[in-house]
Amino acid sequence: MPNVNPFDKRKPVVLVAYRPEWATEFAVLARRLRALVGPAVLRIDHIGSTAVPGLRAKDVLDLQLTVPDLLAVGALVPTLRQAGFRQGEVLLQDVYHFLPADSAELGKRYMREPGGERTAHLHIRQAGHFNARYALLFRDYLRASEVARTEYELLKVRAAELFPDNIDGYLHLKEPVFHLLYEAASLWAEKVGWQLPAPDA
């Protein structure tokens, strides 16, 4: 068999109907992570499309690990690497056009599942930062708004049709929608008095 680079972005974009087992798979992985990281991580949350019941998604679990200080994660990343989780040495930035690209509010570390396990992305972000809050606001807004959820799913389906073999193109098309949804989610949050929910783990 040919060697496959797990980080090669030239791969098919496959969306599947929502699967209730995603919540169970998250819970199992979150318990495992909690046992590994202990109090070094303040909260572990299920984020992204697989965390939104009824939403079509790529079969990839997204987890957010919130830490007190991203620049002082200490033994956290080595601990995860020793348990088989991959990547994570490079400090990455999320992208939101209304904040400077090098803003500390967008910093994160990124890791992936151990080789051979079900696909999961770990987003390590700092408590109180914009990107950590937005991941949860985005999730909760899509859970609450059927209209936003339906239209966002339609965009995802069309993006996958346009870029069936290019995850970069798929994400590039989706990116501006995150900014639009942020405006709508912020208004919704103000209206309903949304605050950070209790952690998932």
C-alpha atoms as a PDB file:
ATOM      1  CA  MET A   1       0.000   0.000   0.000  1.00  0.00           C
ATOM      2  CA  PRO A   2       1.248   3.564  -0.681  1.00  0.00           C
ATOM      3  CA  ASN A   3       2.287   5.735   2.225  1.00  0.00           C
ATOM      4  CA  VAL A   4      -0.477   8.156   3.221  1.00  0.00           C
ATOM      5  CA  ASN A   5       0.320  11.472   4.860  1.00  0.00           C
ATOM      6  CA  PRO A   6      -2.439  12.017   7.467  1.00  0.00           C
ATOM      7  CA  PHE A   7      -1.932  15.783   7.193  1.00  0.00           C
ATOM      8  CA  ASP A   8      -2.213  15.895   3.376  1.00  0.00           C
ATOM      9  CA  LYS A   9      -4.949  18.400   2.599  1.00  0.00           C
ATOM     10  CA  ARG A  10      -5.464  17.070  -0.934  1.00  0.00           C
ATOM     11  CA  LYS A  11      -8.040  14.556   0.184  1.00  0.00           C
ATOM     12  CA  PRO A  12     -11.765  14.069  -0.397  1.00  0.00           C
ATOM     13  CA  VAL A  13     -14.243  16.222   1.465  1.00  0.00           C
ATOM     14  CA  VAL A  14     -16.947  13.817   2.602  1.00  0.00           C
ATOM     15  CA  LEU A  15     -19.995  15.025   4.503  1.00  0.00           C
ATOM     16  CA  VAL A  16     -22.266  12.537   6.230  1.00  0.00           C
ATOM     17  CA  ALA A  17     -25.614  12.823   7.966  1.00  0.00           C
ATOM     18  CA  TYR A  18     -25.506  13.558  11.693  1.00  0.00           C
ATOM     19  CA  ARG A  19     -24.658  10.494  13.765  1.00  0.00           C
ATOM     20  CA  PRO A  20     -25.874  10.298  17.379  1.00  0.00           C
ATOM     21  CA  GLU A  21     -22.841   8.152  18.235  1.00  0.00           C
ATOM     22  CA  TRP A  22     -20.609  11.198  17.793  1.00  0.00           C
ATOM     23  CA  ALA A  23     -21.689  12.398  21.236  1.00  0.00           C
ATOM     24  CA  THR A  24     -20.754   9.047  22.776  1.00  0.00           C
ATOM     25  CA  GLU A  25     -17.428   8.926  20.946  1.00  0.00           C
ATOM     26  CA  PHE A  26     -16.647  12.417  22.203  1.00  0.00           C
ATOM     27  CA  ALA A  27     -17.481  11.433  25.780  1.00  0.00           C
ATOM     28  CA  VAL A  28     -15.168   8.409  25.631  1.00  0.00           C
ATOM     29  CA  LEU A  29     -12.285  10.442  24.211  1.00  0.00           C
ATOM     30  CA  ALA A  30     -12.895  13.305  26.637  1.00  0.00           C
ATOM     31  CA  ARG A  31     -12.706  10.950  29.624  1.00  0.00           C
ATOM     32  CA  ARG A  32      -9.461   9.545  28.288  1.00  0.00           C
ATOM     33  CA  LEU A  33      -8.027  13.019  27.812  1.00  0.00           C
ATOM     34  CA  ARG A  34      -9.164  14.156  31.245  1.00  0.00           C
ATOM     35  CA  ALA A  35      -7.336  11.232  32.818  1.00  0.00           C
ATOM     36  CA  LEU A  36      -4.196  12.251  30.909  1.00  0.00           C
ATOM     37  CA  VAL A  37      -4.212  16.008  31.476  1.00  0.00           C
ATOM     38  CA  GLY A  38      -5.870  16.380  34.873  1.00  0.00           C
ATOM     39  CA  PRO A  39      -6.224  19.977  36.138  1.00  0.00           C
ATOM     40  CA  ALA A  40      -3.792  21.315  33.523  1.00  0.00           C
ATOM     41  CA  VAL A  41      -6.859  21.685  31.279  1.00  0.00           C
ATOM     42  CA  LEU A  42      -9.712  23.776  32.650  1.00  0.00           C
ATOM     43  CA  ARG A  43     -12.384  22.313  30.419  1.00  0.00           C
ATOM     44  CA  ILE A  44     -12.843  19.912  27.513  1.00  0.00           C
ATOM     45  CA  ASP A  45     -15.692  20.639  25.114  1.00  0.00           C
ATOM     46  CA  HIS A  46     -17.210  19.047  22.040  1.00  0.00           C
ATOM     47  CA  ILE A  47     -17.161  21.723  19.330  1.00  0.00           C
ATOM     48  CA  GLY A  48     -17.607  21.912  15.579  1.00  0.00           C
ATOM     49  CA  SER A  49     -20.306  20.389  13.422  1.00  0.00           C
ATOM     50  CA  THR A  50     -20.318  16.937  15.053  1.00  0.00           C
ATOM     51  CA  ALA A  51     -21.388  18.700  18.260  1.00  0.00           C
ATOM     52  CA  VAL A  52     -24.572  20.051  16.637  1.00  0.00           C
ATOM     53  CA  PRO A  53     -27.423  17.513  16.512  1.00  0.00           C
ATOM     54  CA  GLY A  54     -28.967  17.254  13.071  1.00  0.00           C
ATOM     55  CA  LEU A  55     -26.090  18.935  11.225  1.00  0.00           C
ATOM     56  CA  ARG A  56     -24.340  17.172   8.364  1.00  0.00           C
ATOM     57  CA  ALA A  57     -20.581  17.050   8.979  1.00  0.00           C
ATOM     58  CA  LYS A  58     -17.275  15.463   8.139  1.00  0.00           C
ATOM     59  CA  ASP A  59     -16.770  12.417  10.354  1.00  0.00           C
ATOM     60  CA  VAL A  60     -14.193  14.245  12.471  1.00  0.00           C
ATOM     61  CA  LEU A  61     -14.538  14.955  16.171  1.00  0.00           C
ATOM     62  CA  ASP A  62     -13.422  18.436  17.197  1.00  0.00           C
ATOM     63  CA  LEU A  63     -12.513  18.932  20.840  1.00  0.00           C
ATOM     64  CA  GLN A  64     -11.502  22.158  22.528  1.00  0.00           C
ATOM     65  CA  LEU A  65      -9.099  21.906  25.445  1.00  0.00           C
ATOM     66  CA  THR A  66      -9.101  25.178  27.368  1.00  0.00           C
ATOM     67  CA  VAL A  67      -5.952  26.014  29.326  1.00  0.00           C
ATOM     68  CA  PRO A  68      -5.121  28.894  31.703  1.00  0.00           C
ATOM     69  CA  ASP A  69      -2.122  30.084  29.645  1.00  0.00           C
ATOM     70  CA  LEU A  70      -1.401  28.909  26.117  1.00  0.00           C
ATOM     71  CA  LEU A  71       2.230  30.010  26.298  1.00  0.00           C
ATOM     72  CA  ALA A  72       2.826  28.060  29.498  1.00  0.00           C
ATOM     73  CA  VAL A  73       1.250  24.699  28.722  1.00  0.00           C
ATOM     74  CA  GLY A  74       4.155  22.998  30.464  1.00  0.00           C
ATOM     75  CA  ALA A  75       4.025  19.249  30.188  1.00  0.00           C
ATOM     76  CA  LEU A  76       0.606  19.158  28.543  1.00  0.00           C
ATOM     77  CA  VAL A  77       1.737  18.724  24.929  1.00  0.00           C
ATOM     78  CA  PRO A  78       4.517  16.217  25.778  1.00  0.00           C
ATOM     79  CA  THR A  79       2.015  14.268  27.875  1.00  0.00           C
ATOM     80  CA  LEU A  80      -0.370  14.037  24.950  1.00  0.00           C
ATOM     81  CA  ARG A  81       2.450  13.110  22.586  1.00  0.00           C
ATOM     82  CA  GLN A  82       3.569  10.313  24.904  1.00  0.00           C
ATOM     83  CA  ALA A  83       0.013   8.972  24.749  1.00  0.00           C
ATOM     84  CA  GLY A  84       0.251   8.882  20.959  1.00  0.00           C
ATOM     85  CA  PHE A  85      -1.450  12.131  19.970  1.00  0.00           C
ATOM     86  CA  ARG A  86       0.335  13.715  17.019  1.00  0.00           C
ATOM     87  CA  GLN A  87       1.654  17.127  16.033  1.00  0.00           C
ATOM     88  CA  GLY A  88       1.352  20.091  18.369  1.00  0.00           C
ATOM     89  CA  GLU A  89       4.820  21.631  18.482  1.00  0.00           C
ATOM     90  CA  VAL A  90       3.859  24.666  16.414  1.00  0.00           C
ATOM     91  CA  LEU A  91       1.740  27.501  17.771  1.00  0.00           C
ATOM     92  CA  LEU A  92      -0.960  28.106  15.177  1.00  0.00           C
ATOM     93  CA  GLN A  93      -3.403  30.957  14.663  1.00  0.00           C
ATOM     94  CA  ASP A  94      -7.093  30.831  13.962  1.00  0.00           C
ATOM     95  CA  VAL A  95      -8.233  33.328  11.319  1.00  0.00           C
ATOM     96  CA  TYR A  96     -10.824  36.037  11.920  1.00  0.00           C
ATOM     97  CA  HIS A  97     -10.487  39.049   9.650  1.00  0.00           C
ATOM     98  CA  PHE A  98     -11.568  41.598  12.222  1.00  0.00           C
ATOM     99  CA  LEU A  99      -8.615  40.722  14.471  1.00  0.00           C
ATOM    100  CA  PRO A 100      -4.898  41.018  13.586  1.00  0.00           C
ATOM    101  CA  ALA A 101      -3.522  37.723  12.291  1.00  0.00           C
ATOM    102  CA  ASP A 102      -0.922  37.659  15.086  1.00  0.00           C
ATOM    103  CA  SER A 103      -3.378  38.518  17.860  1.00  0.00           C
ATOM    104  CA  ALA A 104      -2.927  36.492  21.038  1.00  0.00           C
ATOM    105  CA  GLU A 105      -6.728  36.151  20.999  1.00  0.00           C
ATOM    106  CA  LEU A 106      -6.350  33.735  18.068  1.00  0.00           C
ATOM    107  CA  GLY A 107      -3.462  31.580  19.252  1.00  0.00           C
ATOM    108  CA  LYS A 108      -3.834  27.844  19.679  1.00  0.00           C
ATOM    109  CA  ARG A 109      -2.051  24.528  19.591  1.00  0.00           C
ATOM    110  CA  TYR A 110      -3.394  21.763  17.435  1.00  0.00           C
ATOM    111  CA  MET A 111      -3.090  18.007  17.798  1.00  0.00           C
ATOM    112  CA  ARG A 112      -4.601  14.919  16.247  1.00  0.00           C
ATOM    113  CA  GLU A 113      -5.619  11.452  17.282  1.00  0.00           C
ATOM    114  CA  PRO A 114      -3.036   8.685  17.692  1.00  0.00           C
ATOM    115  CA  GLY A 115      -2.330   6.760  14.502  1.00  0.00           C
ATOM    116  CA  GLY A 116      -4.984   4.220  13.605  1.00  0.00           C
ATOM    117  CA  GLU A 117      -7.707   5.732  15.800  1.00  0.00           C
ATOM    118  CA  ARG A 118     -10.906   7.509  14.752  1.00  0.00           C
ATOM    119  CA  THR A 119     -10.205  10.992  13.416  1.00  0.00           C
ATOM    120  CA  ALA A 120     -10.226  13.706  16.056  1.00  0.00           C
ATOM    121  CA  HIS A 121      -8.820  17.221  16.159  1.00  0.00           C
ATOM    122  CA  LEU A 122      -7.725  18.775  19.450  1.00  0.00           C
ATOM    123  CA  HIS A 123      -7.791  22.563  19.560  1.00  0.00           C
ATOM    124  CA  ILE A 124      -5.901  23.830  22.615  1.00  0.00           C
ATOM    125  CA  ARG A 125      -6.921  27.421  23.343  1.00  0.00           C
ATOM    126  CA  GLN A 126      -6.569  29.867  26.211  1.00  0.00           C
ATOM    127  CA  ALA A 127      -9.387  30.664  28.621  1.00  0.00           C
ATOM    128  CA  GLY A 128     -10.877  34.108  28.050  1.00  0.00           C
ATOM    129  CA  HIS A 129      -9.584  34.442  24.517  1.00  0.00           C
ATOM    130  CA  PHE A 130     -11.855  35.253  21.606  1.00  0.00           C
ATOM    131  CA  ASN A 131     -11.337  31.996  19.733  1.00  0.00           C
ATOM    132  CA  ALA A 132     -12.079  29.827  22.785  1.00  0.00           C
ATOM    133  CA  ARG A 133     -15.326  31.687  23.456  1.00  0.00           C
ATOM    134  CA  TYR A 134     -16.398  31.765  19.826  1.00  0.00           C
ATOM    135  CA  ALA A 135     -16.072  28.012  19.347  1.00  0.00           C
ATOM    136  CA  LEU A 136     -18.668  27.486  22.074  1.00  0.00           C
ATOM    137  CA  LEU A 137     -20.884  30.390  20.997  1.00  0.00           C
ATOM    138  CA  PHE A 138     -20.873  29.109  17.400  1.00  0.00           C
ATOM    139  CA  ARG A 139     -21.842  25.615  18.556  1.00  0.00           C
ATOM    140  CA  ASP A 140     -24.618  26.789  20.862  1.00  0.00           C
ATOM    141  CA  TYR A 141     -26.045  29.218  18.301  1.00  0.00           C
ATOM    142  CA  LEU A 142     -26.280  26.497  15.655  1.00  0.00           C
ATOM    143  CA  ARG A 143     -27.898  24.190  18.184  1.00  0.00           C
ATOM    144  CA  ALA A 144     -30.487  26.858  18.982  1.00  0.00           C
ATOM    145  CA  SER A 145     -31.254  28.230  15.497  1.00  0.00           C
ATOM    146  CA  GLU A 146     -32.795  25.835  13.003  1.00  0.00           C
ATOM    147  CA  VAL A 147     -32.592  28.468  10.254  1.00  0.00           C
ATOM    148  CA  ALA A 148     -28.876  29.127  10.786  1.00  0.00           C
ATOM    149  CA  ARG A 149     -28.186  25.394  11.079  1.00  0.00           C
ATOM    150  CA  THR A 150     -30.068  24.592   7.860  1.00  0.00           C
ATOM    151  CA  GLU A 151     -28.432  27.364   5.831  1.00  0.00           C
ATOM    152  CA  TYR A 152     -24.972  26.565   7.182  1.00  0.00           C
ATOM    153  CA  GLU A 153     -25.443  22.924   6.220  1.00  0.00           C
ATOM    154  CA  LEU A 154     -26.472  23.984   2.701  1.00  0.00           C
ATOM    155  CA  LEU A 155     -23.290  26.023   2.381  1.00  0.00           C
ATOM    156  CA  LYS A 156     -21.186  23.071   3.568  1.00  0.00           C
ATOM    157  CA  VAL A 157     -22.831  20.775   1.021  1.00  0.00           C
ATOM    158  CA  ARG A 158     -22.256  23.230  -1.829  1.00  0.00           C
ATOM    159  CA  ALA A 159     -18.661  23.857  -0.751  1.00  0.00           C
ATOM    160  CA  ALA A 160     -18.045  20.103  -0.761  1.00  0.00           C
ATOM    161  CA  GLU A 161     -19.559  19.869  -4.246  1.00  0.00           C
ATOM    162  CA  LEU A 162     -17.259  22.640  -5.506  1.00  0.00           C
ATOM    163  CA  PHE A 163     -14.139  21.279  -3.793  1.00  0.00           C
ATOM    164  CA  PRO A 164     -14.717  17.519  -3.475  1.00  0.00           C
ATOM    165  CA  ASP A 165     -10.999  16.725  -3.313  1.00  0.00           C
ATOM    166  CA  ASN A 166      -9.550  19.872  -1.760  1.00  0.00           C
ATOM    167  CA  ILE A 167     -10.054  20.536   1.936  1.00  0.00           C
ATOM    168  CA  ASP A 168      -8.264  23.886   1.633  1.00  0.00           C
ATOM    169  CA  GLY A 169     -10.737  25.085  -0.999  1.00  0.00           C
ATOM    170  CA  TYR A 170     -13.650  23.808   1.088  1.00  0.00           C
ATOM    171  CA  LEU A 171     -12.431  25.686   4.171  1.00  0.00           C
ATOM    172  CA  HIS A 172     -11.576  28.810   2.170  1.00  0.00           C
ATOM    173  CA  LEU A 173     -15.152  29.041   0.920  1.00  0.00           C
ATOM    174  CA  LYS A 174     -16.565  28.499   4.415  1.00  0.00           C
ATOM    175  CA  GLU A 175     -14.315  31.031   6.163  1.00  0.00           C
ATOM    176  CA  PRO A 176     -16.319  34.242   5.444  1.00  0.00           C
ATOM    177  CA  VAL A 177     -19.468  32.507   6.693  1.00  0.00           C
ATOM    178  CA  PHE A 178     -17.892  32.144  10.141  1.00  0.00           C
ATOM    179  CA  HIS A 179     -17.596  35.935  10.277  1.00  0.00           C
ATOM    180  CA  LEU A 180     -21.228  36.406   9.239  1.00  0.00           C
ATOM    181  CA  LEU A 181     -22.375  33.803  11.755  1.00  0.00           C
ATOM    182  CA  TYR A 182     -20.364  35.543  14.451  1.00  0.00           C
ATOM    183  CA  GLU A 183     -22.449  38.682  13.988  1.00  0.00           C
ATOM    184  CA  ALA A 184     -25.695  36.715  14.130  1.00  0.00           C
ATOM    185  CA  ALA A 185     -24.520  34.585  17.061  1.00  0.00           C
ATOM    186  CA  SER A 186     -23.448  37.683  18.998  1.00  0.00           C
ATOM    187  CA  LEU A 187     -26.896  39.247  18.593  1.00  0.00           C
ATOM    188  CA  TRP A 188     -28.493  35.961  19.633  1.00  0.00           C
ATOM    189  CA  ALA A 189     -26.208  35.726  22.679  1.00  0.00           C
ATOM    190  CA  GLU A 190     -27.153  39.233  23.778  1.00  0.00           C
ATOM    191  CA  LYS A 191     -30.842  38.529  23.283  1.00  0.00           C
ATOM    192  CA  VAL A 192     -30.912  35.287  25.269  1.00  0.00           C
ATOM    193  CA  GLY A 193     -28.235  36.218  27.821  1.00  0.00           C
ATOM    194  CA  TRP A 194     -25.872  33.476  26.667  1.00  0.00           C
ATOM    195  CA  GLN A 195     -22.876  32.800  28.859  1.00  0.00           C
ATOM    196  CA  LEU A 196     -20.172  30.159  28.726  1.00  0.00           C
ATOM    197  CA  PRO A 197     -21.897  26.846  29.412  1.00  0.00           C
ATOM    198  CA  ALA A 198     -20.698  24.244  31.869  1.00  0.00           C
ATOM    199  CA  PRO A 199     -17.825  22.228  30.404  1.00  0.00           C
ATOM    200  CA  ASP A 200     -18.545  18.939  28.690  1.00  0.00           C
ATOM    201  CA  ALA A 201     -15.694  17.309  30.579  1.00  0.00           C
END
